[in-house]
Amino acid sequence: MFASLTGLGLASAAGLNAYVPLLVIGLLARYTEIIPLTPAWAWLEHPATLVSLGVLLVVEFVADKVPALDSVNDVVQTVIRPTSGGITFGAGASAVQLSEITEISGEASGMATTAGGVAWGAVIAGVVIALLFHLAKALARPVVNTLTLGLGAPVVSFLEDVASFLTSLMAVLLPVLIMVVFPLMVVLGVWAARKGRRAREQRRAERAAPRHGTGPGARPRPGYGDQYRQ
C-alpha cells in the first residue's frame, strides 16, 4: 500500500513539475538511507544525473513564469512530464517495497516485472497520472494569463512548484498523507481543466460573433430602402 501511495504522489508531482520529484528521489537516495533505489533506478542518484536535473529545473523554473513562454513550455513538457511520472512512480514505489508493487501490478493489471527490477505496471500508471495533471495545468494556464493580464503566471507557477516539492516529500516521508492530498489535487485539476475549456469556448464565440453580426457590439446592416425613409 505504501509503495503505491509513494508512486502515486511522485507521479502527481511530476505532472506539475517534471524535475522536482526526480531531484527529490535522487538527492534522498544519494545522501540518505530513506529511499534506497534498486539497481534499475540507481542512475537517478548519479552526480551527472543530479547536475543535469538541476540545470533543467532552473530552465523550467524561469520559462514557466513568463506569459506566453509558459504555454510553449507546456507543449514541450507534454512528453517530459509523463516520462518523469513513469520514472518516479517506478523508482519510488520500488524503493519503498518492490515486492508490493510487483504483486499489485501482476494481480490487478497483469503487468509483469522485468528481470532488471522495473515494474512496468507502475511505470505506465505513473505516465498516465502525470499526463492527466499536466493537461489540467496546461489548460488552466492560458485562463490565468488572460484574467490577470499575465501577472498571475509567476505566482501560479511558483505555487505549482511548491505543491510539487511538498507532494514529493510527503510521498516519500509520509505516504499515507497522499490519501488526502491526491483527491484534492484531482478536484483542483478537474476544476482547472473545465475552467480552461469554458474560457477557450468563450473566446471562440467572441471571435465568431463580429463576423456573423451577433455580438453585443454588432449593428444590424441597413436594409434596402432605409436611406429613403430617413
Protein backbone atom coordinates (compact mmCIF):
# COMPACT_ATOMS: atom_id res chain seq x y z
CA MET A 1 0.00 0.00 0.00
CA PHE A 2 2.73 2.49 0.97
CA ALA A 3 4.60 1.71 -2.25
CA SER A 4 1.55 2.54 -4.32
CA LEU A 5 0.91 5.77 -2.39
CA THR A 6 4.53 6.82 -2.79
CA GLY A 7 4.41 6.26 -6.54
CA LEU A 8 1.04 7.98 -6.80
CA GLY A 9 2.28 11.09 -5.03
CA LEU A 10 5.50 11.30 -7.03
CA ALA A 11 3.72 10.89 -10.36
CA SER A 12 1.20 13.59 -9.42
CA ALA A 13 4.05 15.94 -8.53
CA ALA A 14 5.72 15.20 -11.87
CA GLY A 15 2.59 16.38 -13.65
CA LEU A 16 3.19 19.84 -12.18
CA ASN A 17 6.98 19.93 -12.46
CA ALA A 18 8.91 17.12 -14.12
CA TYR A 19 12.24 17.71 -12.39
CA VAL A 20 11.30 18.32 -8.75
CA PRO A 21 10.30 14.72 -7.86
CA LEU A 22 13.23 13.31 -9.83
CA LEU A 23 15.63 15.51 -7.84
CA VAL A 24 13.91 14.64 -4.55
CA ILE A 25 14.35 10.93 -5.22
CA GLY A 26 17.91 11.30 -6.47
CA LEU A 27 19.12 13.51 -3.62
CA LEU A 28 17.44 11.48 -0.88
CA ALA A 29 18.82 8.26 -2.35
CA ARG A 30 22.34 9.62 -2.62
CA TYR A 31 22.67 11.40 0.72
CA THR A 32 20.30 9.46 2.99
CA GLU A 33 19.07 5.94 3.61
CA ILE A 34 15.42 6.95 3.39
CA ILE A 35 14.86 5.77 -0.15
CA PRO A 36 17.35 3.10 -1.29
CA LEU A 37 17.00 2.70 -5.04
CA THR A 38 17.07 -0.67 -6.74
CA PRO A 39 19.83 -1.25 -9.35
CA ALA A 40 17.40 -0.48 -12.18
CA TRP A 41 16.95 3.07 -10.89
CA ALA A 42 20.40 3.72 -9.38
CA TRP A 43 21.26 6.12 -12.21
CA LEU A 44 18.91 8.67 -10.62
CA GLU A 45 21.40 9.31 -7.80
CA HIS A 46 24.46 9.62 -10.07
CA PRO A 47 26.11 13.06 -9.83
CA ALA A 48 25.81 13.65 -13.58
CA THR A 49 22.08 12.95 -13.41
CA LEU A 50 21.58 15.27 -10.45
CA VAL A 51 23.51 18.13 -12.09
CA SER A 52 21.56 17.73 -15.33
CA LEU A 53 18.25 17.72 -13.48
CA GLY A 54 19.30 20.81 -11.54
CA VAL A 55 20.06 22.73 -14.74
CA LEU A 56 16.79 21.63 -16.35
CA LEU A 57 14.91 22.64 -13.22
CA VAL A 58 16.32 26.17 -13.42
CA VAL A 59 15.30 26.44 -17.08
CA GLU A 60 11.82 25.15 -16.28
CA PHE A 61 11.53 27.46 -13.27
CA VAL A 62 12.19 30.55 -15.42
CA ALA A 63 10.29 29.55 -18.56
CA ASP A 64 7.13 28.61 -16.70
CA LYS A 65 6.82 32.06 -15.16
CA VAL A 66 6.84 34.12 -18.36
CA PRO A 67 3.42 34.64 -20.02
CA ALA A 68 3.17 33.07 -23.50
CA LEU A 69 6.50 31.32 -22.98
CA ASP A 70 4.84 29.20 -20.31
CA SER A 71 2.38 27.84 -22.88
CA VAL A 72 5.25 26.94 -25.22
CA ASN A 73 6.96 25.24 -22.30
CA ASP A 74 3.79 23.26 -21.58
CA VAL A 75 3.80 21.94 -25.15
CA VAL A 76 7.39 20.75 -24.75
CA GLN A 77 6.61 19.26 -21.35
CA THR A 78 3.77 17.16 -22.78
CA VAL A 79 6.33 14.41 -23.31
CA ILE A 80 8.72 15.18 -20.45
CA ARG A 81 6.28 15.31 -17.52
CA PRO A 82 4.57 11.96 -18.25
CA THR A 83 8.01 10.40 -18.72
CA SER A 84 9.07 11.78 -15.35
CA GLY A 85 5.84 10.45 -13.84
CA GLY A 86 6.59 6.96 -15.09
CA ILE A 87 10.15 7.07 -13.78
CA THR A 88 9.24 8.47 -10.38
CA PHE A 89 6.34 6.04 -9.86
CA GLY A 90 8.53 3.08 -10.79
CA ALA A 91 11.59 4.20 -8.85
CA GLY A 92 9.78 5.50 -5.78
CA ALA A 93 7.48 2.53 -5.44
CA SER A 94 10.26 0.00 -5.92
CA ALA A 95 12.40 1.79 -3.34
CA VAL A 96 9.65 1.58 -0.73
CA GLN A 97 8.77 -2.03 -1.37
CA LEU A 98 9.34 -3.61 -4.77
CA SER A 99 7.56 -6.81 -3.92
CA GLU A 100 4.32 -4.99 -3.08
CA ILE A 101 4.06 -3.02 -6.30
CA THR A 102 5.04 -6.13 -8.27
CA GLU A 103 2.20 -8.06 -6.67
CA ILE A 104 -0.28 -5.25 -7.36
CA SER A 105 0.86 -4.93 -10.96
CA GLY A 106 0.74 -8.66 -11.53
CA GLU A 107 -2.62 -9.40 -9.96
CA ALA A 108 -4.60 -6.25 -10.71
CA SER A 109 -3.41 -5.34 -14.17
CA GLY A 110 -1.46 -8.33 -15.40
CA MET A 111 1.68 -6.24 -15.86
CA ALA A 112 4.90 -8.12 -15.40
CA THR A 113 8.19 -7.01 -13.90
CA THR A 114 11.32 -7.45 -15.95
CA ALA A 115 14.41 -9.22 -14.73
CA GLY A 116 16.06 -5.86 -14.28
CA GLY A 117 13.62 -4.94 -11.50
CA VAL A 118 11.41 -2.50 -13.41
CA ALA A 119 7.71 -2.74 -12.58
CA TRP A 120 6.23 -1.74 -15.91
CA GLY A 121 2.72 -1.61 -14.50
CA ALA A 122 3.89 1.10 -12.11
CA VAL A 123 5.71 2.97 -14.87
CA ILE A 124 2.63 3.03 -17.12
CA ALA A 125 0.44 4.14 -14.22
CA GLY A 126 2.85 6.97 -13.49
CA VAL A 127 2.84 8.11 -17.11
CA VAL A 128 -0.98 8.29 -17.17
CA ILE A 129 -1.26 10.10 -13.84
CA ALA A 130 1.40 12.68 -14.70
CA LEU A 131 -0.15 13.26 -18.13
CA LEU A 132 -3.57 13.99 -16.63
CA PHE A 133 -2.17 16.54 -14.18
CA HIS A 134 -0.05 18.08 -16.93
CA LEU A 135 -3.08 18.52 -19.19
CA ALA A 136 -5.04 20.20 -16.40
CA LYS A 137 -2.13 22.56 -15.76
CA ALA A 138 -1.68 23.35 -19.46
CA LEU A 139 -5.38 24.07 -19.95
CA ALA A 140 -5.63 26.33 -16.91
CA ARG A 141 -2.56 28.49 -17.52
CA PRO A 142 -3.90 30.48 -20.52
CA VAL A 143 -7.00 31.29 -18.48
CA VAL A 144 -4.86 32.64 -15.63
CA ASN A 145 -2.81 34.72 -18.06
CA THR A 146 -5.93 36.16 -19.68
CA LEU A 147 -7.74 37.00 -16.45
CA THR A 148 -4.69 38.59 -14.82
CA LEU A 149 -3.09 40.11 -17.95
CA GLY A 150 -0.10 37.84 -17.42
CA LEU A 151 0.56 38.99 -13.86
CA GLY A 152 -0.72 35.75 -12.34
CA ALA A 153 1.62 33.46 -14.29
CA PRO A 154 4.66 33.68 -11.97
CA VAL A 155 2.50 33.42 -8.86
CA VAL A 156 0.59 30.35 -10.03
CA SER A 157 3.78 28.77 -11.37
CA PHE A 158 5.55 29.26 -8.04
CA LEU A 159 2.62 27.71 -6.18
CA GLU A 160 2.73 24.72 -8.54
CA ASP A 161 6.46 24.30 -7.86
CA VAL A 162 5.84 24.40 -4.11
CA ALA A 163 2.99 21.91 -4.42
CA SER A 164 5.20 19.58 -6.47
CA PHE A 165 8.00 19.77 -3.90
CA LEU A 166 5.78 19.25 -0.86
CA THR A 167 3.87 16.41 -2.53
CA SER A 168 7.15 14.71 -3.44
CA LEU A 169 8.39 14.92 0.14
CA MET A 170 5.12 13.65 1.56
CA ALA A 171 5.10 10.77 -0.92
CA VAL A 172 8.48 9.61 0.36
CA LEU A 173 8.35 10.55 4.05
CA LEU A 174 4.62 10.29 4.87
CA PRO A 175 2.93 8.45 2.01
CA VAL A 176 -0.29 8.00 4.00
CA LEU A 177 -0.96 11.73 3.54
CA ILE A 178 -1.25 11.16 -0.20
CA MET A 179 -4.65 9.61 0.52
CA VAL A 180 -5.80 13.14 1.39
CA VAL A 181 -3.62 15.22 -0.94
CA PHE A 182 -4.24 13.24 -4.14
CA PRO A 183 -8.07 13.63 -4.14
CA LEU A 184 -7.67 17.36 -3.52
CA MET A 185 -5.26 17.63 -6.45
CA VAL A 186 -7.70 15.73 -8.66
CA VAL A 187 -10.56 18.07 -7.74
CA LEU A 188 -8.41 21.14 -8.45
CA GLY A 189 -7.19 19.63 -11.70
CA VAL A 190 -10.71 18.90 -12.95
CA TRP A 191 -11.84 22.39 -11.99
CA ALA A 192 -8.88 23.97 -13.79
CA ALA A 193 -9.43 21.88 -16.92
CA ARG A 194 -13.13 22.76 -17.09
CA LYS A 195 -12.35 26.43 -16.50
CA GLY A 196 -9.83 26.40 -19.30
CA ARG A 197 -12.21 24.69 -21.73
CA ARG A 198 -15.00 27.18 -21.00
CA ALA A 199 -12.64 30.12 -21.47
CA ARG A 200 -11.49 28.82 -24.86
CA GLU A 201 -15.08 28.27 -25.99
CA GLN A 202 -15.98 31.81 -24.92
CA ARG A 203 -13.05 33.27 -26.85
CA ARG A 204 -14.05 31.34 -29.97
CA ALA A 205 -17.62 32.64 -29.65
CA GLU A 206 -16.39 36.22 -29.25
CA ARG A 207 -14.21 35.93 -32.36
CA ALA A 208 -17.02 34.43 -34.40
CA ALA A 209 -19.69 36.92 -33.25
CA PRO A 210 -18.48 40.03 -35.18
CA ARG A 211 -18.26 38.06 -38.41
CA HIS A 212 -21.86 36.95 -38.14
CA GLY A 213 -23.12 40.23 -36.71
CA THR A 214 -24.38 38.62 -33.49
CA GLY A 215 -22.01 40.12 -30.96
CA PRO A 216 -23.10 42.56 -28.27
CA GLY A 217 -21.50 45.45 -30.15
CA ALA A 218 -22.65 44.45 -33.63
CA ARG A 219 -25.02 46.74 -35.54
CA PRO A 220 -27.64 45.47 -37.96
CA ARG A 221 -26.96 46.06 -41.61
CA PRO A 222 -29.18 48.72 -43.17
CA GLY A 223 -31.87 47.21 -45.29
CA TYR A 224 -32.89 48.15 -48.80
CA GLY A 225 -34.72 51.46 -48.79
CA ASP A 226 -33.66 52.51 -45.28
CA GLN A 227 -31.85 55.50 -46.69
CA TYR A 228 -35.07 56.79 -48.25
CA ARG A 229 -37.03 56.53 -45.00
CA GLN A 230 -34.74 58.96 -43.20
